[in-house]
């Protein structure tokens, strides 16, 4: 993913989660990196953000790399569904029963 797409995705996530760029830069300790991405948008256009920086951004937002790289809402939903299935597979019967009851109540409203 090139720098422009990473920045666009970061800005989209900031808007969705009602967070600021300053909070992101402070929390992830990549303020210099983010500043350079914006400042040098036209210079050195072949350089892409490092995976390490993108992982820090994902941790800040509480999302997976797959979700970050999803191209559209449908793909984002597929990623979320796979992540939920993976989480469900780690639950014991009692936990599944509680979750099932909650979801039934939640979806019946």
PDB file of N, CA and C in Angstrom:
ATOM      1  N   UNK A   1       0.857  -1.168   0.000  1.00  0.00           N
ATOM      2  CA  UNK A   1       0.000   0.000   0.000  1.00  0.00           C
ATOM      3  C   UNK A   1       0.902   1.228   0.000  1.00  0.00           C
ATOM      4  N   UNK A   2       0.641   2.137  -0.909  1.00  0.00           N
ATOM      5  CA  UNK A   2       1.497   3.313  -0.990  1.00  0.00           C
ATOM      6  C   UNK A   2       1.147   4.332   0.095  1.00  0.00           C
ATOM      7  N   UNK A   3       2.013   5.310   0.225  1.00  0.00           N
ATOM      8  CA  UNK A   3       1.895   6.307   1.292  1.00  0.00           C
ATOM      9  C   UNK A   3       0.554   7.042   1.249  1.00  0.00           C
ATOM     10  N   UNK A   4       0.121   7.440   0.065  1.00  0.00           N
ATOM     11  CA  UNK A   4      -1.136   8.182  -0.046  1.00  0.00           C
ATOM     12  C   UNK A   4      -2.320   7.347   0.422  1.00  0.00           C
ATOM     13  N   UNK A   5      -2.339   6.076   0.058  1.00  0.00           N
ATOM     14  CA  UNK A   5      -3.444   5.202   0.472  1.00  0.00           C
ATOM     15  C   UNK A   5      -3.400   4.942   1.971  1.00  0.00           C
ATOM     16  N   UNK A   6      -2.187   4.808   2.525  1.00  0.00           N
ATOM     17  CA  UNK A   6      -2.069   4.620   3.977  1.00  0.00           C
ATOM     18  C   UNK A   6      -2.607   5.853   4.691  1.00  0.00           C
ATOM     19  N   UNK A   7      -2.199   7.037   4.249  1.00  0.00           N
ATOM     20  CA  UNK A   7      -2.670   8.266   4.891  1.00  0.00           C
ATOM     21  C   UNK A   7      -4.183   8.414   4.746  1.00  0.00           C
ATOM     22  N   UNK A   8      -4.719   8.077   3.586  1.00  0.00           N
ATOM     23  CA  UNK A   8      -6.169   8.161   3.388  1.00  0.00           C
ATOM     24  C   UNK A   8      -6.889   7.200   4.334  1.00  0.00           C
ATOM     25  N   UNK A   9      -6.343   6.001   4.488  1.00  0.00           N
ATOM     26  CA  UNK A   9      -6.958   5.006   5.377  1.00  0.00           C
ATOM     27  C   UNK A   9      -6.869   5.460   6.828  1.00  0.00           C
ATOM     28  N   UNK A  10      -5.725   6.017   7.217  1.00  0.00           N
ATOM     29  CA  UNK A  10      -5.563   6.534   8.579  1.00  0.00           C
ATOM     30  C   UNK A  10      -6.587   7.635   8.830  1.00  0.00           C
ATOM     31  N   UNK A  11      -6.722   8.556   7.898  1.00  0.00           N
ATOM     32  CA  UNK A  11      -7.677   9.650   8.062  1.00  0.00           C
ATOM     33  C   UNK A  11      -9.112   9.134   8.125  1.00  0.00           C
ATOM     34  N   UNK A  12      -9.423   8.108   7.338  1.00  0.00           N
ATOM     35  CA  UNK A  12     -10.755   7.502   7.377  1.00  0.00           C
ATOM     36  C   UNK A  12     -11.014   6.890   8.756  1.00  0.00           C
ATOM     37  N   UNK A  13     -10.043   6.152   9.285  1.00  0.00           N
ATOM     38  CA  UNK A  13     -10.205   5.518  10.595  1.00  0.00           C
ATOM     39  C   UNK A  13     -10.297   6.555  11.708  1.00  0.00           C
ATOM     40  N   UNK A  14      -9.521   7.623  11.617  1.00  0.00           N
ATOM     41  CA  UNK A  14      -9.602   8.696  12.612  1.00  0.00           C
ATOM     42  C   UNK A  14     -11.013   9.277  12.643  1.00  0.00           C
ATOM     43  N   UNK A  15     -11.568   9.503  11.465  1.00  0.00           N
ATOM     44  CA  UNK A  15     -12.918  10.066  11.371  1.00  0.00           C
ATOM     45  C   UNK A  15     -13.956   9.090  11.933  1.00  0.00           C
ATOM     46  N   UNK A  16     -13.865   7.810  11.534  1.00  0.00           N
ATOM     47  CA  UNK A  16     -14.812   6.794  11.995  1.00  0.00           C
ATOM     48  C   UNK A  16     -14.794   6.646  13.513  1.00  0.00           C
ATOM     49  N   UNK A  17     -13.608   6.726  14.093  1.00  0.00           N
ATOM     50  CA  UNK A  17     -13.459   6.466  15.526  1.00  0.00           C
ATOM     51  C   UNK A  17     -13.406   7.747  16.349  1.00  0.00           C
ATOM     52  N   UNK A  18     -13.634   8.890  15.682  1.00  0.00           N
ATOM     53  CA  UNK A  18     -13.656  10.198  16.347  1.00  0.00           C
ATOM     54  C   UNK A  18     -12.387  10.429  17.166  1.00  0.00           C
ATOM     55  N   UNK A  19     -11.255  10.247  16.519  1.00  0.00           N
ATOM     56  CA  UNK A  19      -9.957  10.434  17.162  1.00  0.00           C
ATOM     57  C   UNK A  19      -9.166  11.470  16.375  1.00  0.00           C
ATOM     58  N   UNK A  20      -8.138  12.009  17.017  1.00  0.00           N
ATOM     59  CA  UNK A  20      -7.325  13.028  16.357  1.00  0.00           C
ATOM     60  C   UNK A  20      -5.992  12.461  15.889  1.00  0.00           C
ATOM     61  N   UNK A  21      -5.429  13.121  14.893  1.00  0.00           N
ATOM     62  CA  UNK A  21      -4.110  12.745  14.397  1.00  0.00           C
ATOM     63  C   UNK A  21      -3.078  12.920  15.508  1.00  0.00           C
ATOM     64  N   UNK A  22      -3.238  13.973  16.319  1.00  0.00           N
ATOM     65  CA  UNK A  22      -2.291  14.197  17.419  1.00  0.00           C
ATOM     66  C   UNK A  22      -2.299  13.033  18.400  1.00  0.00           C
ATOM     67  N   UNK A  23      -3.477  12.516  18.731  1.00  0.00           N
ATOM     68  CA  UNK A  23      -3.563  11.368  19.646  1.00  0.00           C
ATOM     69  C   UNK A  23      -2.881  10.153  19.034  1.00  0.00           C
ATOM     70  N   UNK A  24      -3.109   9.935  17.758  1.00  0.00           N
ATOM     71  CA  UNK A  24      -2.474   8.810  17.067  1.00  0.00           C
ATOM     72  C   UNK A  24      -0.958   8.933  17.100  1.00  0.00           C
ATOM     73  N   UNK A  25      -0.455  10.107  16.748  1.00  0.00           N
ATOM     74  CA  UNK A  25       0.992  10.292  16.693  1.00  0.00           C
ATOM     75  C   UNK A  25       1.625  10.159  18.077  1.00  0.00           C
ATOM     76  N   UNK A  26       0.956  10.690  19.094  1.00  0.00           N
ATOM     77  CA  UNK A  26       1.495  10.608  20.458  1.00  0.00           C
ATOM     78  C   UNK A  26       1.490   9.167  20.960  1.00  0.00           C
ATOM     79  N   UNK A  27       0.383   8.480  20.769  1.00  0.00           N
ATOM     80  CA  UNK A  27       0.222   7.112  21.282  1.00  0.00           C
ATOM     81  C   UNK A  27       1.122   6.105  20.572  1.00  0.00           C
ATOM     82  N   UNK A  28       1.300   6.273  19.277  1.00  0.00           N
ATOM     83  CA  UNK A  28       2.078   5.303  18.504  1.00  0.00           C
ATOM     84  C   UNK A  28       3.555   5.648  18.435  1.00  0.00           C
ATOM     85  N   UNK A  29       3.890   6.860  18.853  1.00  0.00           N
ATOM     86  CA  UNK A  29       5.280   7.335  18.810  1.00  0.00           C
ATOM     87  C   UNK A  29       5.846   7.293  17.388  1.00  0.00           C
ATOM     88  N   UNK A  30       4.988   7.568  16.415  1.00  0.00           N
ATOM     89  CA  UNK A  30       5.468   7.634  15.028  1.00  0.00           C
ATOM     90  C   UNK A  30       5.184   9.013  14.440  1.00  0.00           C
ATOM     91  N   UNK A  31       5.196  10.034  15.301  1.00  0.00           N
ATOM     92  CA  UNK A  31       4.871  11.383  14.832  1.00  0.00           C
ATOM     93  C   UNK A  31       5.812  11.845  13.734  1.00  0.00           C
ATOM     94  N   UNK A  32       7.094  11.578  13.869  1.00  0.00           N
ATOM     95  CA  UNK A  32       8.050  11.977  12.842  1.00  0.00           C
ATOM     96  C   UNK A  32       7.745  11.272  11.530  1.00  0.00           C
ATOM     97  N   UNK A  33       7.436  10.000  11.617  1.00  0.00           N
ATOM     98  CA  UNK A  33       7.111   9.224  10.423  1.00  0.00           C
ATOM     99  C   UNK A  33       5.877   9.793   9.734  1.00  0.00           C
ATOM    100  N   UNK A  34       4.825  10.053  10.503  1.00  0.00           N
ATOM    101  CA  UNK A  34       3.580  10.587   9.934  1.00  0.00           C
ATOM    102  C   UNK A  34       3.835  11.955   9.297  1.00  0.00           C
ATOM    103  N   UNK A  35       4.610  12.773   9.985  1.00  0.00           N
ATOM    104  CA  UNK A  35       4.923  14.096   9.454  1.00  0.00           C
ATOM    105  C   UNK A  35       5.659  13.970   8.124  1.00  0.00           C
ATOM    106  N   UNK A  36       6.619  13.077   8.058  1.00  0.00           N
ATOM    107  CA  UNK A  36       7.383  12.877   6.829  1.00  0.00           C
ATOM    108  C   UNK A  36       6.493  12.353   5.702  1.00  0.00           C
ATOM    109  N   UNK A  37       5.546  11.476   6.031  1.00  0.00           N
ATOM    110  CA  UNK A  37       4.635  10.955   5.006  1.00  0.00           C
ATOM    111  C   UNK A  37       3.884  12.100   4.342  1.00  0.00           C
ATOM    112  N   UNK A  38       3.410  13.048   5.166  1.00  0.00           N
ATOM    113  CA  UNK A  38       2.646  14.165   4.616  1.00  0.00           C
ATOM    114  C   UNK A  38       3.554  15.166   3.911  1.00  0.00           C
ATOM    115  N   UNK A  39       4.661  15.498   4.540  1.00  0.00           N
ATOM    116  CA  UNK A  39       5.567  16.518   4.014  1.00  0.00           C
ATOM    117  C   UNK A  39       6.161  16.108   2.672  1.00  0.00           C
ATOM    118  N   UNK A  40       6.542  14.871   2.557  1.00  0.00           N
ATOM    119  CA  UNK A  40       7.223  14.399   1.354  1.00  0.00           C
ATOM    120  C   UNK A  40       6.289  13.644   0.411  1.00  0.00           C
ATOM    121  N   UNK A  41       5.044  14.046   0.369  1.00  0.00           N
ATOM    122  CA  UNK A  41       4.063  13.321  -0.440  1.00  0.00           C
ATOM    123  C   UNK A  41       4.477  13.232  -1.906  1.00  0.00           C
ATOM    124  N   UNK A  42       5.101  14.267  -2.419  1.00  0.00           N
ATOM    125  CA  UNK A  42       5.491  14.215  -3.827  1.00  0.00           C
ATOM    126  C   UNK A  42       6.925  13.730  -4.001  1.00  0.00           C
ATOM    127  N   UNK A  43       7.756  13.965  -3.005  1.00  0.00           N
ATOM    128  CA  UNK A  43       9.151  13.542  -3.085  1.00  0.00           C
ATOM    129  C   UNK A  43       9.281  12.086  -2.666  1.00  0.00           C
ATOM    130  N   UNK A  44      10.132  11.371  -3.308  1.00  0.00           N
ATOM    131  CA  UNK A  44      10.408   9.981  -2.937  1.00  0.00           C
ATOM    132  C   UNK A  44       9.115   9.157  -2.924  1.00  0.00           C
ATOM    133  N   UNK A  45       8.324   9.319  -3.969  1.00  0.00           N
ATOM    134  CA  UNK A  45       6.990   8.711  -4.039  1.00  0.00           C
ATOM    135  C   UNK A  45       7.008   7.188  -4.031  1.00  0.00           C
ATOM    136  N   UNK A  46       8.152   6.579  -4.293  1.00  0.00           N
ATOM    137  CA  UNK A  46       8.198   5.116  -4.327  1.00  0.00           C
ATOM    138  C   UNK A  46       8.304   4.500  -2.939  1.00  0.00           C
ATOM    139  N   UNK A  47       8.648   5.299  -1.936  1.00  0.00           N
ATOM    140  CA  UNK A  47       8.762   4.763  -0.576  1.00  0.00           C
ATOM    141  C   UNK A  47       7.383   4.540   0.014  1.00  0.00           C
ATOM    142  N   UNK A  48       7.228   3.432   0.665  1.00  0.00           N
ATOM    143  CA  UNK A  48       5.967   3.107   1.331  1.00  0.00           C
ATOM    144  C   UNK A  48       6.193   3.071   2.830  1.00  0.00           C
ATOM    145  N   UNK A  49       5.146   3.308   3.609  1.00  0.00           N
ATOM    146  CA  UNK A  49       5.264   3.197   5.065  1.00  0.00           C
ATOM    147  C   UNK A  49       5.675   1.778   5.451  1.00  0.00           C
ATOM    148  N   UNK A  50       6.442   1.677   6.514  1.00  0.00           N
ATOM    149  CA  UNK A  50       6.900   0.357   6.952  1.00  0.00           C
ATOM    150  C   UNK A  50       5.759  -0.427   7.587  1.00  0.00           C
ATOM    151  N   UNK A  51       5.878  -1.721   7.537  1.00  0.00           N
ATOM    152  CA  UNK A  51       4.887  -2.589   8.164  1.00  0.00           C
ATOM    153  C   UNK A  51       4.850  -2.347   9.668  1.00  0.00           C
ATOM    154  N   UNK A  52       6.002  -2.080  10.259  1.00  0.00           N
ATOM    155  CA  UNK A  52       6.074  -1.805  11.699  1.00  0.00           C
ATOM    156  C   UNK A  52       5.237  -0.572  12.057  1.00  0.00           C
ATOM    157  N   UNK A  53       5.325   0.472  11.248  1.00  0.00           N
ATOM    158  CA  UNK A  53       4.525   1.676  11.493  1.00  0.00           C
ATOM    159  C   UNK A  53       3.039   1.388  11.336  1.00  0.00           C
ATOM    160  N   UNK A  54       2.690   0.632  10.313  1.00  0.00           N
ATOM    161  CA  UNK A  54       1.280   0.303  10.093  1.00  0.00           C
ATOM    162  C   UNK A  54       0.759  -0.585  11.225  1.00  0.00           C
ATOM    163  N   UNK A  55       1.576  -1.497  11.726  1.00  0.00           N
ATOM    164  CA  UNK A  55       1.170  -2.330  12.867  1.00  0.00           C
ATOM    165  C   UNK A  55       0.893  -1.469  14.093  1.00  0.00           C
ATOM    166  N   UNK A  56       1.713  -0.453  14.336  1.00  0.00           N
ATOM    167  CA  UNK A  56       1.483   0.457  15.466  1.00  0.00           C
ATOM    168  C   UNK A  56       0.157   1.194  15.294  1.00  0.00           C
ATOM    169  N   UNK A  57      -0.124   1.611  14.075  1.00  0.00           N
ATOM    170  CA  UNK A  57      -1.385   2.292  13.789  1.00  0.00           C
ATOM    171  C   UNK A  57      -2.558   1.348  14.047  1.00  0.00           C
ATOM    172  N   UNK A  58      -2.434   0.105  13.612  1.00  0.00           N
ATOM    173  CA  UNK A  58      -3.491  -0.891  13.831  1.00  0.00           C
ATOM    174  C   UNK A  58      -3.715  -1.129  15.320  1.00  0.00           C
ATOM    175  N   UNK A  59      -2.646  -1.215  16.089  1.00  0.00           N
ATOM    176  CA  UNK A  59      -2.774  -1.400  17.537  1.00  0.00           C
ATOM    177  C   UNK A  59      -3.508  -0.219  18.155  1.00  0.00           C
ATOM    178  N   UNK A  60      -3.194   0.983  17.715  1.00  0.00           N
ATOM    179  CA  UNK A  60      -3.858   2.183  18.218  1.00  0.00           C
ATOM    180  C   UNK A  60      -5.367   2.113  17.980  1.00  0.00           C
ATOM    181  N   UNK A  61      -5.751   1.697  16.781  1.00  0.00           N
ATOM    182  CA  UNK A  61      -7.170   1.628  16.436  1.00  0.00           C
ATOM    183  C   UNK A  61      -7.848   0.351  16.930  1.00  0.00           C
ATOM    184  N   UNK A  62      -7.059  -0.617  17.387  1.00  0.00           N
ATOM    185  CA  UNK A  62      -7.631  -1.889  17.832  1.00  0.00           C
ATOM    186  C   UNK A  62      -8.160  -2.715  16.673  1.00  0.00           C
ATOM    187  N   UNK A  63      -7.448  -2.680  15.559  1.00  0.00           N
ATOM    188  CA  UNK A  63      -7.870  -3.419  14.370  1.00  0.00           C
ATOM    189  C   UNK A  63      -6.736  -4.322  13.894  1.00  0.00           C
ATOM    190  N   UNK A  64      -7.073  -5.261  13.040  1.00  0.00           N
ATOM    191  CA  UNK A  64      -6.061  -6.150  12.466  1.00  0.00           C
ATOM    192  C   UNK A  64      -5.470  -5.522  11.203  1.00  0.00           C
ATOM    193  N   UNK A  65      -4.341  -6.050  10.795  1.00  0.00           N
ATOM    194  CA  UNK A  65      -3.749  -5.610   9.529  1.00  0.00           C
ATOM    195  C   UNK A  65      -4.705  -5.885   8.370  1.00  0.00           C
ATOM    196  N   UNK A  66      -5.383  -7.032   8.428  1.00  0.00           N
ATOM    197  CA  UNK A  66      -6.342  -7.377   7.365  1.00  0.00           C
ATOM    198  C   UNK A  66      -7.414  -6.308   7.240  1.00  0.00           C
ATOM    199  N   UNK A  67      -7.920  -5.858   8.381  1.00  0.00           N
ATOM    200  CA  UNK A  67      -8.957  -4.828   8.372  1.00  0.00           C
ATOM    201  C   UNK A  67      -8.396  -3.514   7.825  1.00  0.00           C
ATOM    202  N   UNK A  68      -7.174  -3.181   8.227  1.00  0.00           N
ATOM    203  CA  UNK A  68      -6.553  -1.943   7.744  1.00  0.00           C
ATOM    204  C   UNK A  68      -6.441  -1.945   6.222  1.00  0.00           C
ATOM    205  N   UNK A  69      -6.053  -3.085   5.669  1.00  0.00           N
ATOM    206  CA  UNK A  69      -5.827  -3.168   4.229  1.00  0.00           C
ATOM    207  C   UNK A  69      -7.092  -3.470   3.425  1.00  0.00           C
ATOM    208  N   UNK A  70      -8.219  -3.682   4.094  1.00  0.00           N
ATOM    209  CA  UNK A  70      -9.471  -3.946   3.381  1.00  0.00           C
ATOM    210  C   UNK A  70      -9.801  -2.749   2.486  1.00  0.00           C
ATOM    211  N   UNK A  71     -10.220  -3.042   1.279  1.00  0.00           N
ATOM    212  CA  UNK A  71     -10.451  -1.995   0.277  1.00  0.00           C
ATOM    213  C   UNK A  71     -11.844  -1.367   0.341  1.00  0.00           C
ATOM    214  N   UNK A  72     -12.818  -2.087   0.871  1.00  0.00           N
ATOM    215  CA  UNK A  72     -14.170  -1.548   0.895  1.00  0.00           C
ATOM    216  C   UNK A  72     -14.939  -2.130   2.078  1.00  0.00           C
ATOM    217  N   UNK A  73     -16.148  -1.653   2.274  1.00  0.00           N
ATOM    218  CA  UNK A  73     -16.951  -2.079   3.419  1.00  0.00           C
ATOM    219  C   UNK A  73     -17.237  -3.572   3.393  1.00  0.00           C
ATOM    220  N   UNK A  74     -17.516  -4.112   2.225  1.00  0.00           N
ATOM    221  CA  UNK A  74     -17.789  -5.544   2.110  1.00  0.00           C
ATOM    222  C   UNK A  74     -16.579  -6.362   2.553  1.00  0.00           C
ATOM    223  N   UNK A  75     -15.406  -5.950   2.109  1.00  0.00           N
ATOM    224  CA  UNK A  75     -14.179  -6.647   2.495  1.00  0.00           C
ATOM    225  C   UNK A  75     -13.914  -6.481   3.993  1.00  0.00           C
ATOM    226  N   UNK A  76     -14.195  -5.288   4.532  1.00  0.00           N
ATOM    227  CA  UNK A  76     -14.033  -5.056   5.967  1.00  0.00           C
ATOM    228  C   UNK A  76     -14.948  -5.991   6.759  1.00  0.00           C
ATOM    229  N   UNK A  77     -16.182  -6.150   6.285  1.00  0.00           N
ATOM    230  CA  UNK A  77     -17.118  -7.044   6.966  1.00  0.00           C
ATOM    231  C   UNK A  77     -16.654  -8.491   6.916  1.00  0.00           C
ATOM    232  N   UNK A  78     -16.085  -8.899   5.794  1.00  0.00           N
ATOM    233  CA  UNK A  78     -15.551 -10.264   5.687  1.00  0.00           C
ATOM    234  C   UNK A  78     -14.415 -10.482   6.675  1.00  0.00           C
ATOM    235  N   UNK A  79     -13.547  -9.493   6.799  1.00  0.00           N
ATOM    236  CA  UNK A  79     -12.429  -9.592   7.746  1.00  0.00           C
ATOM    237  C   UNK A  79     -12.965  -9.689   9.170  1.00  0.00           C
ATOM    238  N   UNK A  80     -13.919  -8.825   9.503  1.00  0.00           N
ATOM    239  CA  UNK A  80     -14.504  -8.855  10.850  1.00  0.00           C
ATOM    240  C   UNK A  80     -15.158 -10.205  11.129  1.00  0.00           C
ATOM    241  N   UNK A  81     -15.859 -10.748  10.139  1.00  0.00           N
ATOM    242  CA  UNK A  81     -16.517 -12.044  10.307  1.00  0.00           C
ATOM    243  C   UNK A  81     -15.499 -13.141  10.584  1.00  0.00           C
ATOM    244  N   UNK A  82     -14.407 -13.169   9.822  1.00  0.00           N
ATOM    245  CA  UNK A  82     -13.354 -14.171  10.056  1.00  0.00           C
ATOM    246  C   UNK A  82     -12.740 -14.014  11.447  1.00  0.00           C
ATOM    247  N   UNK A  83     -12.530 -12.766  11.866  1.00  0.00           N
ATOM    248  CA  UNK A  83     -11.962 -12.527  13.193  1.00  0.00           C
ATOM    249  C   UNK A  83     -12.925 -12.997  14.287  1.00  0.00           C
ATOM    250  N   UNK A  84     -14.218 -12.742  14.093  1.00  0.00           N
ATOM    251  CA  UNK A  84     -15.215 -13.205  15.065  1.00  0.00           C
ATOM    252  C   UNK A  84     -15.254 -14.727  15.143  1.00  0.00           C
ATOM    253  N   UNK A  85     -15.202 -15.381  14.007  1.00  0.00           N
ATOM    254  CA  UNK A  85     -15.206 -16.848  13.987  1.00  0.00           C
ATOM    255  C   UNK A  85     -13.991 -17.385  14.727  1.00  0.00           C
ATOM    256  N   UNK A  86     -12.851 -16.763  14.514  1.00  0.00           N
ATOM    257  CA  UNK A  86     -11.635 -17.197  15.218  1.00  0.00           C
ATOM    258  C   UNK A  86     -11.794 -17.019  16.726  1.00  0.00           C
ATOM    259  N   UNK A  87     -12.384 -15.903  17.149  1.00  0.00           N
ATOM    260  CA  UNK A  87     -12.606 -15.681  18.586  1.00  0.00           C
ATOM    261  C   UNK A  87     -13.605 -16.684  19.145  1.00  0.00           C
ATOM    262  N   UNK A  88     -14.667 -16.946  18.393  1.00  0.00           N
ATOM    263  CA  UNK A  88     -15.686 -17.895  18.845  1.00  0.00           C
ATOM    264  C   UNK A  88     -15.108 -19.289  19.044  1.00  0.00           C
ATOM    265  N   UNK A  89     -14.181 -19.663  18.208  1.00  0.00           N
ATOM    266  CA  UNK A  89     -13.603 -21.009  18.301  1.00  0.00           C
ATOM    267  C   UNK A  89     -12.794 -21.207  19.583  1.00  0.00           C
ATOM    268  N   UNK A  90     -12.438 -20.118  20.241  1.00  0.00           N
ATOM    269  CA  UNK A  90     -11.662 -20.219  21.481  1.00  0.00           C
ATOM    270  C   UNK A  90     -12.532 -20.184  22.741  1.00  0.00           C
ATOM    271  N   UNK A  91     -13.842 -20.014  22.579  1.00  0.00           N
ATOM    272  CA  UNK A  91     -14.741 -19.949  23.734  1.00  0.00           C
ATOM    273  C   UNK A  91     -15.160 -21.343  24.178  1.00  0.00           C
ATOM    274  N   UNK A  92     -15.404 -21.466  25.492  1.00  0.00           N
ATOM    275  CA  UNK A  92     -15.938 -22.740  25.989  1.00  0.00           C
ATOM    276  C   UNK A  92     -17.465 -22.713  25.878  1.00  0.00           C
ATOM    277  N   UNK A  93     -18.113 -23.834  26.209  1.00  0.00           N
ATOM    278  CA  UNK A  93     -19.564 -23.954  26.036  1.00  0.00           C
ATOM    279  C   UNK A  93     -20.328 -22.901  26.831  1.00  0.00           C
ATOM    280  N   UNK A  94     -19.935 -22.682  28.068  1.00  0.00           N
ATOM    281  CA  UNK A  94     -20.633 -21.702  28.902  1.00  0.00           C
ATOM    282  C   UNK A  94     -20.532 -20.297  28.298  1.00  0.00           C
ATOM    283  N   UNK A  95     -19.355 -19.953  27.817  1.00  0.00           N
ATOM    284  CA  UNK A  95     -19.173 -18.643  27.199  1.00  0.00           C
ATOM    285  C   UNK A  95     -20.001 -18.516  25.925  1.00  0.00           C
ATOM    286  N   UNK A  96     -20.039 -19.588  25.133  1.00  0.00           N
ATOM    287  CA  UNK A  96     -20.848 -19.574  23.916  1.00  0.00           C
ATOM    288  C   UNK A  96     -22.329 -19.419  24.231  1.00  0.00           C
ATOM    289  N   UNK A  97     -22.788 -20.088  25.293  1.00  0.00           N
ATOM    290  CA  UNK A  97     -24.193 -19.975  25.692  1.00  0.00           C
ATOM    291  C   UNK A  97     -24.538 -18.540  26.084  1.00  0.00           C
ATOM    292  N   UNK A  98     -23.677 -17.910  26.862  1.00  0.00           N
ATOM    293  CA  UNK A  98     -23.907 -16.525  27.285  1.00  0.00           C
ATOM    294  C   UNK A  98     -23.928 -15.605  26.068  1.00  0.00           C
ATOM    295  N   UNK A  99     -22.973 -15.783  25.188  1.00  0.00           N
ATOM    296  CA  UNK A  99     -22.895 -14.952  23.991  1.00  0.00           C
ATOM    297  C   UNK A  99     -24.103 -15.170  23.083  1.00  0.00           C
ATOM    298  N   UNK A 100     -24.522 -16.409  22.934  1.00  0.00           N
ATOM    299  CA  UNK A 100     -25.693 -16.721  22.111  1.00  0.00           C
ATOM    300  C   UNK A 100     -26.933 -16.037  22.666  1.00  0.00           C
ATOM    301  N   UNK A 101     -27.136 -16.124  23.986  1.00  0.00           N
ATOM    302  CA  UNK A 101     -28.284 -15.458  24.616  1.00  0.00           C
ATOM    303  C   UNK A 101     -28.233 -13.947  24.389  1.00  0.00           C
ATOM    304  N   UNK A 102     -27.050 -13.377  24.560  1.00  0.00           N
ATOM    305  CA  UNK A 102     -26.891 -11.937  24.352  1.00  0.00           C
ATOM    306  C   UNK A 102     -27.229 -11.550  22.918  1.00  0.00           C
ATOM    307  N   UNK A 103     -26.700 -12.289  21.971  1.00  0.00           N
ATOM    308  CA  UNK A 103     -26.945 -11.968  20.564  1.00  0.00           C
ATOM    309  C   UNK A 103     -28.412 -12.117  20.193  1.00  0.00           C
ATOM    310  N   UNK A 104     -29.061 -13.135  20.735  1.00  0.00           N
ATOM    311  CA  UNK A 104     -30.502 -13.297  20.473  1.00  0.00           C
ATOM    312  C   UNK A 104     -31.273 -12.090  20.988  1.00  0.00           C
ATOM    313  N   UNK A 105     -30.952 -11.680  22.211  1.00  0.00           N
ATOM    314  CA  UNK A 105     -31.630 -10.528  22.802  1.00  0.00           C
ATOM    315  C   UNK A 105     -31.315  -9.259  22.002  1.00  0.00           C
ATOM    316  N   UNK A 106     -30.085  -9.111  21.611  1.00  0.00           N
ATOM    317  CA  UNK A 106     -29.636  -7.932  20.873  1.00  0.00           C
ATOM    318  C   UNK A 106     -30.313  -7.837  19.506  1.00  0.00           C
ATOM    319  N   UNK A 107     -30.433  -8.954  18.812  1.00  0.00           N
ATOM    320  CA  UNK A 107     -30.987  -8.931  17.459  1.00  0.00           C
ATOM    321  C   UNK A 107     -32.508  -8.928  17.430  1.00  0.00           C
ATOM    322  N   UNK A 108     -33.152  -9.265  18.543  1.00  0.00           N
ATOM    323  CA  UNK A 108     -34.618  -9.274  18.589  1.00  0.00           C
ATOM    324  C   UNK A 108     -35.192  -7.893  18.857  1.00  0.00           C
ATOM    325  N   UNK A 109     -34.369  -6.959  19.234  1.00  0.00           N
ATOM    326  CA  UNK A 109     -34.866  -5.602  19.542  1.00  0.00           C
ATOM    327  C   UNK A 109     -35.027  -4.781  18.301  1.00  0.00           C
TER     328      UNK A 109
END
